[in-house]
Amino acid sequence: MTINDPFIQALKAGDQQAFRTLVDTYQQKVLNTALSMLQNQETAEDITQDVFVSVFKTILSFNEKSSVSTWIYRITVNKCLDHLRSAGRQKKAGFLVQLFQKEEGKDLADQPDFIHPGVVLEKREQSKYLFKAINSLQENQKTAFILTHIEDLPQREVAEIMNISVKAVESLLQRAKTNLRKFLGDMER
């Protein structure tokens, strides 16, 4: 979609059919990205809905300097990261409550092993370990890795989404791969 694209103009004019087309085009991509980042189907579905509500509410501020796709991925990533940060704060609070209540049991904030619904049956065990490893990465490494290797986006678009240079994306990916190898190697022992 180019600048002054009639589709974008229709979106900005509030055309409901254009918005339906946008949702139909990007809904599965947004859901897949959210699933990969959050590793929870229900939460990913909620985030997907939030993304399109945000797009609808802020379409007039879309400046058309990037593609609609990049803009939507950026919103998705930001919403996922906000959710993860919030969940991290809740997990810490839950841990403190458990310490003071001296109750035994599982930390409710711990995520069960995640298996992405798009993974074929034969690869599910490997997928479970890979997503556990991806979850161990630093936030920016995780984002770059998921967008590049799971969502299969070009590094230039990942750089736009993350608002960093292509060289920075390459560096993040290199560090992510090193950390993933280390994490997966430690798991095998």
Protein backbone atom coordinates (compact mmCIF):
# COMPACT_ATOMS: atom_id res chain seq x y z
CA MET A 1 0.00 0.00 0.00
CA THR A 2 1.43 3.31 -1.00
CA ILE A 3 1.04 6.80 0.37
CA ASN A 4 -2.35 8.25 -0.58
CA ASP A 5 -3.56 4.73 -1.27
CA PRO A 6 -7.35 4.75 -1.77
CA PHE A 7 -7.64 1.89 0.74
CA ILE A 8 -5.93 3.90 3.46
CA GLN A 9 -8.04 6.92 2.60
CA ALA A 10 -11.17 4.75 2.88
CA LEU A 11 -10.00 3.56 6.32
CA LYS A 12 -9.41 7.14 7.43
CA ALA A 13 -12.86 8.10 6.14
CA GLY A 14 -14.40 5.44 8.40
CA ASP A 15 -15.40 3.01 5.63
CA GLN A 16 -16.58 -0.12 7.47
CA GLN A 17 -15.98 -2.42 4.49
CA ALA A 18 -12.38 -1.22 4.26
CA PHE A 19 -11.93 -1.92 7.98
CA ARG A 20 -13.42 -5.42 7.55
CA THR A 21 -10.97 -6.04 4.72
CA LEU A 22 -8.10 -4.84 6.92
CA VAL A 23 -9.15 -7.18 9.73
CA ASP A 24 -9.58 -10.11 7.33
CA THR A 25 -6.14 -9.45 5.85
CA TYR A 26 -4.18 -9.05 9.10
CA GLN A 27 -6.12 -10.88 11.82
CA GLN A 28 -4.31 -14.21 11.48
CA LYS A 29 -0.89 -12.51 11.28
CA VAL A 30 -1.61 -10.51 14.42
CA LEU A 31 -2.89 -13.60 16.24
CA ASN A 32 0.17 -15.65 15.24
CA THR A 33 2.53 -12.93 16.42
CA ALA A 34 0.67 -12.56 19.72
CA LEU A 35 0.62 -16.34 20.20
CA SER A 36 4.36 -16.57 19.61
CA MET A 37 5.10 -13.74 22.01
CA LEU A 38 2.57 -14.51 24.75
CA GLN A 39 2.32 -18.29 24.45
CA ASN A 40 -1.29 -18.29 25.56
CA GLN A 41 -4.21 -18.72 23.14
CA GLU A 42 -6.81 -16.78 25.13
CA THR A 43 -4.52 -13.85 25.87
CA ALA A 44 -3.36 -13.76 22.24
CA GLU A 45 -6.98 -13.58 21.09
CA ASP A 46 -7.65 -10.71 23.52
CA ILE A 47 -4.55 -8.85 22.32
CA THR A 48 -5.62 -9.40 18.69
CA GLN A 49 -8.95 -7.79 19.45
CA ASP A 50 -7.21 -4.91 21.26
CA VAL A 51 -4.92 -4.36 18.29
CA PHE A 52 -7.81 -3.85 15.90
CA VAL A 53 -9.66 -1.62 18.35
CA SER A 54 -6.48 0.50 18.54
CA VAL A 55 -6.14 0.53 14.76
CA PHE A 56 -9.75 1.67 14.43
CA LYS A 57 -9.35 4.39 17.04
CA THR A 58 -6.00 5.70 15.78
CA ILE A 59 -6.24 5.27 12.00
CA LEU A 60 -6.41 9.05 11.56
CA SER A 61 -2.99 9.39 13.19
CA PHE A 62 -1.44 6.83 10.81
CA ASN A 63 1.15 8.97 9.02
CA GLU A 64 1.76 6.62 6.08
CA LYS A 65 5.55 6.79 6.50
CA SER A 66 5.54 3.01 6.92
CA SER A 67 3.28 0.35 5.49
CA VAL A 68 0.00 -0.53 7.18
CA SER A 69 1.47 -3.97 7.84
CA THR A 70 4.47 -2.51 9.69
CA TRP A 71 2.20 -0.21 11.68
CA ILE A 72 -0.08 -3.09 12.70
CA TYR A 73 2.89 -5.30 13.68
CA ARG A 74 4.29 -2.42 15.76
CA ILE A 75 0.97 -2.06 17.60
CA THR A 76 0.84 -5.84 18.12
CA VAL A 77 4.38 -6.05 19.48
CA ASN A 78 3.84 -3.09 21.81
CA LYS A 79 0.59 -4.53 23.18
CA CYS A 80 2.26 -7.92 23.72
CA LEU A 81 5.26 -6.36 25.47
CA ASP A 82 2.97 -4.25 27.66
CA HIS A 83 1.06 -7.38 28.61
CA LEU A 84 4.26 -9.32 29.39
CA ARG A 85 5.57 -6.47 31.56
CA SER A 86 2.27 -6.32 33.42
CA ALA A 87 2.23 -10.11 33.86
CA GLY A 88 5.80 -9.96 35.17
CA ARG A 89 4.78 -7.46 37.83
CA GLN A 90 1.82 -9.65 38.80
CA LYS A 91 4.05 -12.73 38.97
CA LYS A 92 6.44 -10.95 41.35
CA ALA A 93 3.52 -9.84 43.53
CA GLY A 94 2.13 -13.38 43.51
CA PHE A 95 5.51 -14.75 44.60
CA LEU A 96 5.60 -12.32 47.54
CA VAL A 97 2.09 -13.31 48.57
CA GLN A 98 3.09 -16.97 48.49
CA LEU A 99 6.17 -16.27 50.60
CA PHE A 100 4.17 -14.51 53.28
CA GLN A 101 1.30 -17.00 53.26
CA LYS A 102 3.78 -19.91 53.42
CA GLU A 103 1.53 -22.02 51.24
CA GLU A 104 3.04 -24.84 49.31
CA GLY A 105 2.17 -25.37 45.72
CA LYS A 106 2.77 -24.22 42.24
CA ASP A 107 3.31 -20.57 41.42
CA LEU A 108 0.10 -19.66 39.63
CA ALA A 109 1.91 -17.19 37.41
CA ASP A 110 4.13 -19.92 35.90
CA GLN A 111 3.14 -20.74 32.37
CA PRO A 112 2.59 -24.35 31.38
CA ASP A 113 4.58 -25.74 28.48
CA PHE A 114 3.39 -23.92 25.39
CA ILE A 115 2.72 -25.65 22.10
CA HIS A 116 1.92 -23.31 19.22
CA PRO A 117 -1.28 -24.54 17.51
CA GLY A 118 0.38 -24.25 14.09
CA VAL A 119 3.04 -26.84 14.92
CA VAL A 120 2.61 -30.27 13.40
CA LEU A 121 2.19 -33.17 15.79
CA GLU A 122 5.62 -34.73 15.16
CA LYS A 123 7.39 -31.47 16.11
CA ARG A 124 5.40 -30.60 19.24
CA GLU A 125 7.98 -31.78 21.76
CA GLN A 126 10.74 -29.80 20.03
CA SER A 127 8.42 -26.80 19.77
CA LYS A 128 7.74 -26.88 23.51
CA TYR A 129 11.46 -26.60 24.28
CA LEU A 130 12.03 -23.96 21.61
CA PHE A 131 9.26 -21.71 22.98
CA LYS A 132 10.58 -22.19 26.51
CA ALA A 133 13.99 -21.09 25.23
CA ILE A 134 12.52 -18.14 23.31
CA ASN A 135 10.73 -17.07 26.48
CA SER A 136 14.09 -16.91 28.27
CA LEU A 137 15.44 -14.28 25.86
CA GLN A 138 15.64 -10.60 26.66
CA GLU A 139 12.61 -8.67 25.43
CA ASN A 140 14.27 -7.09 22.39
CA GLN A 141 15.99 -10.33 21.35
CA LYS A 142 12.73 -12.23 21.69
CA THR A 143 10.87 -9.68 19.58
CA ALA A 144 13.50 -9.66 16.81
CA PHE A 145 13.70 -13.47 16.78
CA ILE A 146 9.93 -14.02 16.64
CA LEU A 147 9.35 -11.43 13.94
CA THR A 148 12.25 -12.67 11.80
CA HIS A 149 12.21 -16.42 12.27
CA ILE A 150 8.63 -17.26 13.22
CA GLU A 151 6.70 -14.54 11.41
CA ASP A 152 9.24 -14.65 8.55
CA LEU A 153 9.43 -10.88 8.15
CA PRO A 154 12.41 -9.28 6.39
CA GLN A 155 14.97 -7.70 8.70
CA ARG A 156 14.29 -4.27 7.21
CA GLU A 157 10.62 -4.49 8.27
CA VAL A 158 11.59 -5.84 11.69
CA ALA A 159 13.87 -2.81 12.08
CA GLU A 160 10.96 -0.50 11.21
CA ILE A 161 8.61 -2.29 13.60
CA MET A 162 11.14 -2.13 16.44
CA ASN A 163 12.24 1.39 15.48
CA ILE A 164 15.93 0.39 15.29
CA SER A 165 18.50 -0.04 12.52
CA VAL A 166 18.90 -3.18 10.43
CA LYS A 167 22.38 -3.64 11.96
CA ALA A 168 20.81 -3.56 15.43
CA VAL A 169 18.32 -6.27 14.34
CA GLU A 170 21.22 -8.39 13.04
CA SER A 171 23.02 -7.95 16.35
CA LEU A 172 19.91 -8.86 18.37
CA LEU A 173 19.38 -11.96 16.23
CA GLN A 174 23.00 -13.05 16.69
CA ARG A 175 22.75 -12.66 20.46
CA ALA A 176 19.36 -14.41 20.48
CA LYS A 177 20.77 -17.40 18.58
CA THR A 178 23.75 -17.61 20.94
CA ASN A 179 21.47 -17.46 23.99
CA LEU A 180 19.06 -20.01 22.49
CA ARG A 181 21.92 -22.45 21.80
CA LYS A 182 23.14 -22.02 25.38
CA PHE A 183 19.65 -22.43 26.87
CA LEU A 184 18.83 -25.50 24.77
CA GLY A 185 22.27 -26.98 25.48
CA ASP A 186 21.71 -26.52 29.22
CA MET A 187 18.28 -28.19 28.94
CA GLU A 188 19.81 -31.31 27.35
CA ARG A 189 22.11 -31.87 30.32
